[in-house]
Amino acid sequence: MGSTTGPAPQTERIVHCVKLNQDLPGLSEVPFDGHPLGQRIYDNVSKQAWGMWVEQMKMIMNEYRLNLGTAEAQEFLLKQMEEYFFGEGAAHPPGYVAPGH
């Protein structure tokens, strides 16, 4: 009996993560397709760092009580995301204290 193999497993795409400064598996698709920041994140941010951003984003949305149905909230969040990955780090809301401090 011959062995039948399925399609070759897809090799993970490796990126040099700007947030963690390591070569790590990248995202499987471009976030915010069509937005220049989405492509920049796809090219420079690992899955691990993206997961960290998702947690940060939840905190920002809760603290600022963002309504993502508004263009203003979406722009604010995109600006925070760009700062998180490519700037000095996303700004914390006034009075924010990191957990455990």
Protein backbone atom coordinates (compact mmCIF):
# COMPACT_ATOMS: atom_id res chain seq x y z
CA MET A 1 0.00 0.00 0.00
CA GLY A 2 1.32 3.41 -0.93
CA SER A 3 1.11 6.17 1.56
CA THR A 4 -1.08 9.06 0.60
CA THR A 5 -0.16 12.42 1.90
CA GLY A 6 -2.29 15.47 1.92
CA PRO A 7 -1.12 18.87 0.84
CA ALA A 8 2.22 19.95 2.26
CA PRO A 9 1.83 21.79 5.54
CA GLN A 10 2.08 25.51 5.05
CA THR A 11 5.26 26.85 6.55
CA GLU A 12 4.80 29.67 8.97
CA ARG A 13 5.80 33.09 7.77
CA ILE A 14 8.53 34.54 9.98
CA VAL A 15 8.81 38.27 10.60
CA HIS A 16 11.25 40.30 12.64
CA CYS A 17 8.83 41.62 15.24
CA VAL A 18 9.28 45.33 15.97
CA LYS A 19 7.62 44.96 19.37
CA LEU A 20 9.53 41.94 20.69
CA ASN A 21 12.72 42.38 18.62
CA GLN A 22 12.78 38.69 17.65
CA ASP A 23 12.16 36.59 14.55
CA LEU A 24 8.75 35.05 15.23
CA PRO A 25 5.75 33.66 13.31
CA GLY A 26 3.82 36.47 11.63
CA LEU A 27 0.11 37.03 11.18
CA SER A 28 -1.63 34.79 8.64
CA GLU A 29 -3.51 37.71 7.06
CA VAL A 30 -3.30 41.48 6.80
CA PRO A 31 -5.36 43.23 9.51
CA PHE A 32 -7.43 46.18 8.23
CA ASP A 33 -6.91 45.12 4.62
CA GLY A 34 -6.59 48.20 2.45
CA HIS A 35 -5.23 50.41 5.25
CA PRO A 36 -1.47 51.15 5.05
CA LEU A 37 -1.08 50.44 8.78
CA GLY A 38 -2.51 46.95 8.26
CA GLN A 39 0.20 46.08 5.74
CA ARG A 40 2.89 47.57 7.99
CA ILE A 41 1.66 45.42 10.90
CA TYR A 42 1.53 42.32 8.69
CA ASP A 43 5.13 42.89 7.60
CA ASN A 44 6.59 43.79 11.03
CA VAL A 45 4.49 42.35 13.88
CA SER A 46 4.42 38.77 15.20
CA LYS A 47 1.31 36.81 16.19
CA GLN A 48 2.52 36.99 19.78
CA ALA A 49 2.81 40.80 19.76
CA TRP A 50 -0.58 41.08 18.01
CA GLY A 51 -2.12 39.06 20.86
CA MET A 52 -0.55 41.49 23.33
CA TRP A 53 -2.08 44.39 21.37
CA VAL A 54 -5.53 42.78 21.48
CA GLU A 55 -5.34 42.80 25.30
CA GLN A 56 -4.11 46.42 25.27
CA MET A 57 -6.91 47.37 22.88
CA LYS A 58 -9.54 45.90 25.21
CA MET A 59 -8.17 48.01 28.06
CA ILE A 60 -8.16 51.15 25.90
CA MET A 61 -11.72 50.52 24.68
CA ASN A 62 -12.98 50.00 28.24
CA GLU A 63 -11.09 52.91 29.79
CA TYR A 64 -12.08 55.39 27.08
CA ARG A 65 -15.52 53.80 26.57
CA LEU A 66 -14.97 53.80 22.82
CA ASN A 67 -17.84 53.24 20.42
CA LEU A 68 -16.18 51.63 17.42
CA GLY A 69 -19.23 52.52 15.35
CA THR A 70 -17.84 56.05 15.11
CA ALA A 71 -15.05 57.13 12.76
CA GLU A 72 -13.47 59.13 15.61
CA ALA A 73 -13.13 56.05 17.82
CA GLN A 74 -11.72 53.98 14.95
CA GLU A 75 -9.14 56.67 14.11
CA PHE A 76 -8.21 57.00 17.79
CA LEU A 77 -7.69 53.24 18.06
CA LEU A 78 -5.63 53.10 14.84
CA LYS A 79 -3.44 55.90 16.21
CA GLN A 80 -2.99 54.01 19.49
CA MET A 81 -2.15 50.85 17.54
CA GLU A 82 0.47 52.63 15.44
CA GLU A 83 1.98 54.14 18.58
CA TYR A 84 1.94 50.73 20.33
CA PHE A 85 3.90 49.01 17.59
CA PHE A 86 5.93 51.78 15.99
CA GLY A 87 6.05 54.65 18.51
CA GLU A 88 6.99 55.05 22.13
CA GLY A 89 4.07 52.83 23.23
CA ALA A 90 0.35 53.44 23.48
CA ALA A 91 -0.71 56.12 25.93
CA HIS A 92 -2.48 54.93 29.02
CA PRO A 93 -5.68 56.69 30.04
CA PRO A 94 -5.26 59.39 32.67
CA GLY A 95 -5.00 57.82 36.11
CA TYR A 96 -4.32 54.33 34.69
CA VAL A 97 -2.31 52.10 37.00
CA ALA A 98 -0.79 48.92 35.57
CA PRO A 99 -2.28 45.75 37.12
CA GLY A 100 -0.33 44.61 40.16
CA HIS A 101 0.98 48.08 41.06
